Amino acid sequence: MEINWNNPAARARLAVRIGSAAYNEAAERHHKSTVIETVNGHEIRTVSSRFGSLFSTGNTGRAFYDLTDARNFARSVAA
């Protein structure tokens, strides 16, 4: 299933079309497919933003342009 996961309207249409359980499974597969590596318990994954492509560090709320910066930050905070 190809959708633009960065588009809230597309995600909403998908949820309506396939139902919440199938949507949650699809969203989880998408999330896992974007994980590059796990550092100190933090999944580092690529995300698109209004600033361009970034490396998100788990659930910390932080993202970086540079993968090395994301790794270093992940090492510095508890999971």
PDB file of N, CA and C in Angstrom:
ATOM      1  N   MET A   1       0.851  -1.163   0.000  1.00  0.00           N
ATOM      2  CA  MET A   1       0.000   0.000   0.000  1.00  0.00           C
ATOM      3  C   MET A   1       0.899   1.229   0.000  1.00  0.00           C
ATOM      4  N   GLU A   2       0.713   2.029  -1.011  1.00  0.00           N
ATOM      5  CA  GLU A   2       1.516   3.235  -1.154  1.00  0.00           C
ATOM      6  C   GLU A   2       0.690   4.455  -0.751  1.00  0.00           C
ATOM      7  N   ILE A   3       1.134   5.140   0.268  1.00  0.00           N
ATOM      8  CA  ILE A   3       0.515   6.409   0.637  1.00  0.00           C
ATOM      9  C   ILE A   3       1.619   7.359   1.076  1.00  0.00           C
ATOM     10  N   ASN A   4       1.310   8.617   1.079  1.00  0.00           N
ATOM     11  CA  ASN A   4       2.236   9.616   1.581  1.00  0.00           C
ATOM     12  C   ASN A   4       1.978   9.750   3.080  1.00  0.00           C
ATOM     13  N   TRP A   5       2.819   9.110   3.870  1.00  0.00           N
ATOM     14  CA  TRP A   5       2.627   9.107   5.323  1.00  0.00           C
ATOM     15  C   TRP A   5       2.822  10.489   5.930  1.00  0.00           C
ATOM     16  N   ASN A   6       3.377  11.420   5.159  1.00  0.00           N
ATOM     17  CA  ASN A   6       3.553  12.792   5.644  1.00  0.00           C
ATOM     18  C   ASN A   6       2.318  13.648   5.412  1.00  0.00           C
ATOM     19  N   ASN A   7       1.308  13.089   4.778  1.00  0.00           N
ATOM     20  CA  ASN A   7       0.097  13.833   4.438  1.00  0.00           C
ATOM     21  C   ASN A   7      -1.032  13.413   5.373  1.00  0.00           C
ATOM     22  N   PRO A   8      -1.437  14.283   6.309  1.00  0.00           N
ATOM     23  CA  PRO A   8      -2.497  13.924   7.260  1.00  0.00           C
ATOM     24  C   PRO A   8      -3.815  13.542   6.588  1.00  0.00           C
ATOM     25  N   ALA A   9      -4.167  14.218   5.508  1.00  0.00           N
ATOM     26  CA  ALA A   9      -5.417  13.903   4.817  1.00  0.00           C
ATOM     27  C   ALA A   9      -5.350  12.505   4.198  1.00  0.00           C
ATOM     28  N   ALA A  10      -4.203  12.151   3.627  1.00  0.00           N
ATOM     29  CA  ALA A  10      -4.039  10.814   3.043  1.00  0.00           C
ATOM     30  C   ALA A  10      -4.121   9.743   4.131  1.00  0.00           C
ATOM     31  N   ARG A  11      -3.524  10.027   5.289  1.00  0.00           N
ATOM     32  CA  ARG A  11      -3.601   9.061   6.396  1.00  0.00           C
ATOM     33  C   ARG A  11      -5.040   8.902   6.870  1.00  0.00           C
ATOM     34  N   ALA A  12      -5.775   9.998   6.947  1.00  0.00           N
ATOM     35  CA  ALA A  12      -7.175   9.930   7.381  1.00  0.00           C
ATOM     36  C   ALA A  12      -8.013   9.130   6.385  1.00  0.00           C
ATOM     37  N   ARG A  13      -7.813   9.362   5.089  1.00  0.00           N
ATOM     38  CA  ARG A  13      -8.545   8.604   4.068  1.00  0.00           C
ATOM     39  C   ARG A  13      -8.232   7.122   4.168  1.00  0.00           C
ATOM     40  N   LEU A  14      -6.971   6.802   4.400  1.00  0.00           N
ATOM     41  CA  LEU A  14      -6.581   5.404   4.533  1.00  0.00           C
ATOM     42  C   LEU A  14      -7.252   4.769   5.738  1.00  0.00           C
ATOM     43  N   ALA A  15      -7.276   5.454   6.856  1.00  0.00           N
ATOM     44  CA  ALA A  15      -7.908   4.923   8.066  1.00  0.00           C
ATOM     45  C   ALA A  15      -9.383   4.637   7.826  1.00  0.00           C
ATOM     46  N   VAL A  16     -10.052   5.532   7.130  1.00  0.00           N
ATOM     47  CA  VAL A  16     -11.474   5.327   6.830  1.00  0.00           C
ATOM     48  C   VAL A  16     -11.647   4.141   5.885  1.00  0.00           C
ATOM     49  N   ARG A  17     -10.774   4.052   4.892  1.00  0.00           N
ATOM     50  CA  ARG A  17     -10.900   3.004   3.880  1.00  0.00           C
ATOM     51  C   ARG A  17     -10.635   1.607   4.421  1.00  0.00           C
ATOM     52  N   ILE A  18      -9.618   1.447   5.297  1.00  0.00           N
ATOM     53  CA  ILE A  18      -9.245   0.099   5.722  1.00  0.00           C
ATOM     54  C   ILE A  18      -9.591  -0.208   7.174  1.00  0.00           C
ATOM     55  N   GLY A  19     -10.029   0.787   7.928  1.00  0.00           N
ATOM     56  CA  GLY A  19     -10.391   0.561   9.327  1.00  0.00           C
ATOM     57  C   GLY A  19      -9.213   0.793  10.255  1.00  0.00           C
ATOM     58  N   SER A  20      -9.537   0.997  11.522  1.00  0.00           N
ATOM     59  CA  SER A  20      -8.502   1.408  12.475  1.00  0.00           C
ATOM     60  C   SER A  20      -7.469   0.320  12.754  1.00  0.00           C
ATOM     61  N   ALA A  21      -7.890  -0.937  12.872  1.00  0.00           N
ATOM     62  CA  ALA A  21      -6.929  -2.010  13.179  1.00  0.00           C
ATOM     63  C   ALA A  21      -5.920  -2.170  12.042  1.00  0.00           C
ATOM     64  N   ALA A  22      -6.410  -2.228  10.812  1.00  0.00           N
ATOM     65  CA  ALA A  22      -5.513  -2.367   9.661  1.00  0.00           C
ATOM     66  C   ALA A  22      -4.645  -1.126   9.493  1.00  0.00           C
ATOM     67  N   TYR A  23      -5.217   0.049   9.777  1.00  0.00           N
ATOM     68  CA  TYR A  23      -4.440   1.284   9.690  1.00  0.00           C
ATOM     69  C   TYR A  23      -3.292   1.260  10.697  1.00  0.00           C
ATOM     70  N   ASN A  24      -3.575   0.864  11.924  1.00  0.00           N
ATOM     71  CA  ASN A  24      -2.532   0.820  12.951  1.00  0.00           C
ATOM     72  C   ASN A  24      -1.428  -0.152  12.565  1.00  0.00           C
ATOM     73  N   GLU A  25      -1.789  -1.292  11.989  1.00  0.00           N
ATOM     74  CA  GLU A  25      -0.774  -2.253  11.532  1.00  0.00           C
ATOM     75  C   GLU A  25       0.071  -1.651  10.412  1.00  0.00           C
ATOM     76  N   ALA A  26      -0.574  -0.979   9.465  1.00  0.00           N
ATOM     77  CA  ALA A  26       0.154  -0.355   8.361  1.00  0.00           C
ATOM     78  C   ALA A  26       1.073   0.751   8.872  1.00  0.00           C
ATOM     79  N   ALA A  27       0.595   1.552   9.798  1.00  0.00           N
ATOM     80  CA  ALA A  27       1.412   2.629  10.357  1.00  0.00           C
ATOM     81  C   ALA A  27       2.621   2.064  11.100  1.00  0.00           C
ATOM     82  N   GLU A  28       2.421   0.973  11.819  1.00  0.00           N
ATOM     83  CA  GLU A  28       3.538   0.344  12.538  1.00  0.00           C
ATOM     84  C   GLU A  28       4.568  -0.211  11.557  1.00  0.00           C
ATOM     85  N   ARG A  29       4.107  -0.840  10.476  1.00  0.00           N
ATOM     86  CA  ARG A  29       5.046  -1.339   9.446  1.00  0.00           C
ATOM     87  C   ARG A  29       5.828  -0.181   8.840  1.00  0.00           C
ATOM     88  N   HIS A  30       5.137   0.919   8.565  1.00  0.00           N
ATOM     89  CA  HIS A  30       5.827   2.092   8.012  1.00  0.00           C
ATOM     90  C   HIS A  30       6.881   2.616   8.988  1.00  0.00           C
ATOM     91  N   HIS A  31       6.495   2.739  10.251  1.00  0.00           N
ATOM     92  CA  HIS A  31       7.426   3.232  11.268  1.00  0.00           C
ATOM     93  C   HIS A  31       8.670   2.343  11.310  1.00  0.00           C
ATOM     94  N   LYS A  32       8.471   1.041  11.371  1.00  0.00           N
ATOM     95  CA  LYS A  32       9.610   0.110  11.437  1.00  0.00           C
ATOM     96  C   LYS A  32      10.477   0.192  10.195  1.00  0.00           C
ATOM     97  N   SER A  33       9.860   0.456   9.043  1.00  0.00           N
ATOM     98  CA  SER A  33      10.639   0.509   7.797  1.00  0.00           C
ATOM     99  C   SER A  33      11.531   1.741   7.720  1.00  0.00           C
ATOM    100  N   THR A  34      11.267   2.747   8.546  1.00  0.00           N
ATOM    101  CA  THR A  34      12.063   3.971   8.502  1.00  0.00           C
ATOM    102  C   THR A  34      13.171   3.990   9.556  1.00  0.00           C
ATOM    103  N   VAL A  35      13.220   2.976  10.425  1.00  0.00           N
ATOM    104  CA  VAL A  35      14.254   2.923  11.461  1.00  0.00           C
ATOM    105  C   VAL A  35      15.588   2.547  10.824  1.00  0.00           C
ATOM    106  N   ILE A  36      16.584   3.375  11.062  1.00  0.00           N
ATOM    107  CA  ILE A  36      17.928   3.136  10.541  1.00  0.00           C
ATOM    108  C   ILE A  36      18.715   2.274  11.510  1.00  0.00           C
ATOM    109  N   GLU A  37      18.630   2.620  12.780  1.00  0.00           N
ATOM    110  CA  GLU A  37      19.331   1.866  13.824  1.00  0.00           C
ATOM    111  C   GLU A  37      18.776   2.265  15.185  1.00  0.00           C
ATOM    112  N   THR A  38      19.119   1.492  16.180  1.00  0.00           N
ATOM    113  CA  THR A  38      18.727   1.802  17.550  1.00  0.00           C
ATOM    114  C   THR A  38      19.990   2.090  18.349  1.00  0.00           C
ATOM    115  N   VAL A  39      20.013   3.241  19.006  1.00  0.00           N
ATOM    116  CA  VAL A  39      21.159   3.658  19.810  1.00  0.00           C
ATOM    117  C   VAL A  39      20.662   3.940  21.221  1.00  0.00           C
ATOM    118  N   ASN A  40      21.214   3.233  22.190  1.00  0.00           N
ATOM    119  CA  ASN A  40      20.878   3.449  23.593  1.00  0.00           C
ATOM    120  C   ASN A  40      19.364   3.348  23.833  1.00  0.00           C
ATOM    121  N   GLY A  41      18.723   2.442  23.098  1.00  0.00           N
ATOM    122  CA  GLY A  41      17.293   2.242  23.254  1.00  0.00           C
ATOM    123  C   GLY A  41      16.422   3.190  22.453  1.00  0.00           C
ATOM    124  N   HIS A  42      17.017   4.109  21.716  1.00  0.00           N
ATOM    125  CA  HIS A  42      16.276   5.078  20.898  1.00  0.00           C
ATOM    126  C   HIS A  42      16.332   4.655  19.432  1.00  0.00           C
ATOM    127  N   GLU A  43      15.166   4.521  18.823  1.00  0.00           N
ATOM    128  CA  GLU A  43      15.116   4.230  17.396  1.00  0.00           C
ATOM    129  C   GLU A  43      15.398   5.512  16.627  1.00  0.00           C
ATOM    130  N   ILE A  44      16.424   5.470  15.810  1.00  0.00           N
ATOM    131  CA  ILE A  44      16.739   6.606  14.947  1.00  0.00           C
ATOM    132  C   ILE A  44      16.130   6.289  13.589  1.00  0.00           C
ATOM    133  N   ARG A  45      15.270   7.196  13.130  1.00  0.00           N
ATOM    134  CA  ARG A  45      14.597   6.960  11.865  1.00  0.00           C
ATOM    135  C   ARG A  45      14.508   8.246  11.068  1.00  0.00           C
ATOM    136  N   THR A  46      14.329   8.082   9.772  1.00  0.00           N
ATOM    137  CA  THR A  46      14.193   9.244   8.905  1.00  0.00           C
ATOM    138  C   THR A  46      12.761   9.754   8.976  1.00  0.00           C
ATOM    139  N   VAL A  47      12.634  11.057   9.008  1.00  0.00           N
ATOM    140  CA  VAL A  47      11.322  11.711   8.983  1.00  0.00           C
ATOM    141  C   VAL A  47      11.400  12.894   8.021  1.00  0.00           C
ATOM    142  N   SER A  48      10.285  13.197   7.417  1.00  0.00           N
ATOM    143  CA  SER A  48      10.197  14.394   6.569  1.00  0.00           C
ATOM    144  C   SER A  48       9.573  15.504   7.384  1.00  0.00           C
ATOM    145  N   SER A  49      10.073  16.702   7.185  1.00  0.00           N
ATOM    146  CA  SER A  49       9.531  17.847   7.910  1.00  0.00           C
ATOM    147  C   SER A  49       9.545  19.059   6.993  1.00  0.00           C
ATOM    148  N   ARG A  50       9.000  20.148   7.480  1.00  0.00           N
ATOM    149  CA  ARG A  50       9.033  21.378   6.684  1.00  0.00           C
ATOM    150  C   ARG A  50      10.469  21.868   6.505  1.00  0.00           C
ATOM    151  N   PHE A  51      11.389  21.310   7.294  1.00  0.00           N
ATOM    152  CA  PHE A  51      12.801  21.679   7.195  1.00  0.00           C
ATOM    153  C   PHE A  51      13.577  20.711   6.304  1.00  0.00           C
ATOM    154  N   GLY A  52      12.905  19.728   5.747  1.00  0.00           N
ATOM    155  CA  GLY A  52      13.557  18.714   4.925  1.00  0.00           C
ATOM    156  C   GLY A  52      13.632  17.387   5.665  1.00  0.00           C
ATOM    157  N   SER A  53      14.454  16.498   5.179  1.00  0.00           N
ATOM    158  CA  SER A  53      14.607  15.187   5.791  1.00  0.00           C
ATOM    159  C   SER A  53      15.490  15.287   7.041  1.00  0.00           C
ATOM    160  N   LEU A  54      15.020  14.668   8.124  1.00  0.00           N
ATOM    161  CA  LEU A  54      15.729  14.708   9.399  1.00  0.00           C
ATOM    162  C   LEU A  54      15.856  13.304   9.976  1.00  0.00           C
ATOM    163  N   PHE A  55      16.712  13.171  10.982  1.00  0.00           N
ATOM    164  CA  PHE A  55      16.859  11.927  11.727  1.00  0.00           C
ATOM    165  C   PHE A  55      16.244  12.126  13.108  1.00  0.00           C
ATOM    166  N   SER A  56      15.135  11.451  13.348  1.00  0.00           N
ATOM    167  CA  SER A  56      14.410  11.545  14.612  1.00  0.00           C
ATOM    168  C   SER A  56      15.001  10.551  15.609  1.00  0.00           C
ATOM    169  N   THR A  57      15.080  10.956  16.869  1.00  0.00           N
ATOM    170  CA  THR A  57      15.648  10.098  17.906  1.00  0.00           C
ATOM    171  C   THR A  57      14.561   9.617  18.859  1.00  0.00           C
ATOM    172  N   GLY A  58      13.946   8.503  18.496  1.00  0.00           N
ATOM    173  CA  GLY A  58      12.940   7.878  19.345  1.00  0.00           C
ATOM    174  C   GLY A  58      11.825   8.825  19.730  1.00  0.00           C
ATOM    175  N   ASN A  59      11.416   8.751  20.985  1.00  0.00           N
ATOM    176  CA  ASN A  59      10.328   9.587  21.492  1.00  0.00           C
ATOM    177  C   ASN A  59      10.839  10.804  22.248  1.00  0.00           C
ATOM    178  N   THR A  60      12.041  11.262  21.905  1.00  0.00           N
ATOM    179  CA  THR A  60      12.630  12.387  22.630  1.00  0.00           C
ATOM    180  C   THR A  60      12.105  13.736  22.157  1.00  0.00           C
ATOM    181  N   GLY A  61      11.482  13.751  20.983  1.00  0.00           N
ATOM    182  CA  GLY A  61      11.034  15.028  20.426  1.00  0.00           C
ATOM    183  C   GLY A  61      12.136  15.784  19.729  1.00  0.00           C
ATOM    184  N   ARG A  62      13.277  15.153  19.543  1.00  0.00           N
ATOM    185  CA  ARG A  62      14.419  15.816  18.902  1.00  0.00           C
ATOM    186  C   ARG A  62      14.738  15.142  17.576  1.00  0.00           C
ATOM    187  N   ALA A  63      15.142  15.942  16.607  1.00  0.00           N
ATOM    188  CA  ALA A  63      15.554  15.439  15.301  1.00  0.00           C
ATOM    189  C   ALA A  63      16.720  16.280  14.811  1.00  0.00           C
ATOM    190  N   PHE A  64      17.538  15.686  13.964  1.00  0.00           N
ATOM    191  CA  PHE A  64      18.778  16.314  13.534  1.00  0.00           C
ATOM    192  C   PHE A  64      18.964  16.157  12.031  1.00  0.00           C
ATOM    193  N   TYR A  65      19.665  17.109  11.411  1.00  0.00           N
ATOM    194  CA  TYR A  65      20.020  16.995  10.003  1.00  0.00           C
ATOM    195  C   TYR A  65      21.067  15.925   9.790  1.00  0.00           C
ATOM    196  N   ASP A  66      21.946  15.769  10.755  1.00  0.00           N
ATOM    197  CA  ASP A  66      23.103  14.886  10.618  1.00  0.00           C
ATOM    198  C   ASP A  66      22.904  13.617  11.443  1.00  0.00           C
ATOM    199  N   LEU A  67      23.127  12.464  10.848  1.00  0.00           N
ATOM    200  CA  LEU A  67      22.966  11.192  11.539  1.00  0.00           C
ATOM    201  C   LEU A  67      23.920  11.068  12.726  1.00  0.00           C
ATOM    202  N   THR A  68      25.126  11.565  12.592  1.00  0.00           N
ATOM    203  CA  THR A  68      26.084  11.507  13.704  1.00  0.00           C
ATOM    204  C   THR A  68      25.572  12.297  14.904  1.00  0.00           C
ATOM    205  N   ASP A  69      24.984  13.449  14.660  1.00  0.00           N
ATOM    206  CA  ASP A  69      24.412  14.232  15.758  1.00  0.00           C
ATOM    207  C   ASP A  69      23.263  13.486  16.429  1.00  0.00           C
ATOM    208  N   ALA A  70      22.439  12.817  15.646  1.00  0.00           N
ATOM    209  CA  ALA A  70      21.327  12.039  16.205  1.00  0.00           C
ATOM    210  C   ALA A  70      21.866  10.895  17.065  1.00  0.00           C
ATOM    211  N   ARG A  71      22.890  10.218  16.579  1.00  0.00           N
ATOM    212  CA  ARG A  71      23.498   9.117  17.359  1.00  0.00           C
ATOM    213  C   ARG A  71      24.071   9.637  18.671  1.00  0.00           C
ATOM    214  N   ASN A  72      24.816  10.735  18.606  1.00  0.00           N
ATOM    215  CA  ASN A  72      25.431  11.288  19.806  1.00  0.00           C
ATOM    216  C   ASN A  72      24.380  11.716  20.821  1.00  0.00           C
ATOM    217  N   PHE A  73      23.308  12.346  20.350  1.00  0.00           N
ATOM    218  CA  PHE A  73      22.236  12.739  21.253  1.00  0.00           C
ATOM    219  C   PHE A  73      21.600  11.513  21.878  1.00  0.00           C
ATOM    220  N   ALA A  74      21.310  10.496  21.081  1.00  0.00           N
ATOM    221  CA  ALA A  74      20.683   9.276  21.603  1.00  0.00           C
ATOM    222  C   ALA A  74      21.549   8.621  22.681  1.00  0.00           C
ATOM    223  N   ARG A  75      22.858   8.674  22.496  1.00  0.00           N
ATOM    224  CA  ARG A  75      23.763   8.094  23.502  1.00  0.00           C
ATOM    225  C   ARG A  75      23.717   8.876  24.824  1.00  0.00           C
ATOM    226  N   SER A  76      23.341  10.155  24.733  1.00  0.00           N
ATOM    227  CA  SER A  76      23.441  11.017  25.907  1.00  0.00           C
ATOM    228  C   SER A  76      22.172  11.048  26.773  1.00  0.00           C
ATOM    229  N   VAL A  77      21.089  10.459  26.314  1.00  0.00           N
ATOM    230  CA  VAL A  77      19.836  10.498  27.083  1.00  0.00           C
ATOM    231  C   VAL A  77      19.332   9.081  27.367  1.00  0.00           C
ATOM    232  N   ALA A  78      18.744   8.925  28.531  1.00  0.00           N
ATOM    233  CA  ALA A  78      18.214   7.615  28.912  1.00  0.00           C
ATOM    234  C   ALA A  78      17.012   7.257  28.038  1.00  0.00           C
ATOM    235  N   ALA A  79      16.889   5.979  27.776  1.00  0.00           N
ATOM    236  CA  ALA A  79      15.750   5.505  26.953  1.00  0.00           C
ATOM    237  C   ALA A  79      14.473   5.509  27.765  1.00  0.00           C
TER     238      ALA A  79
END
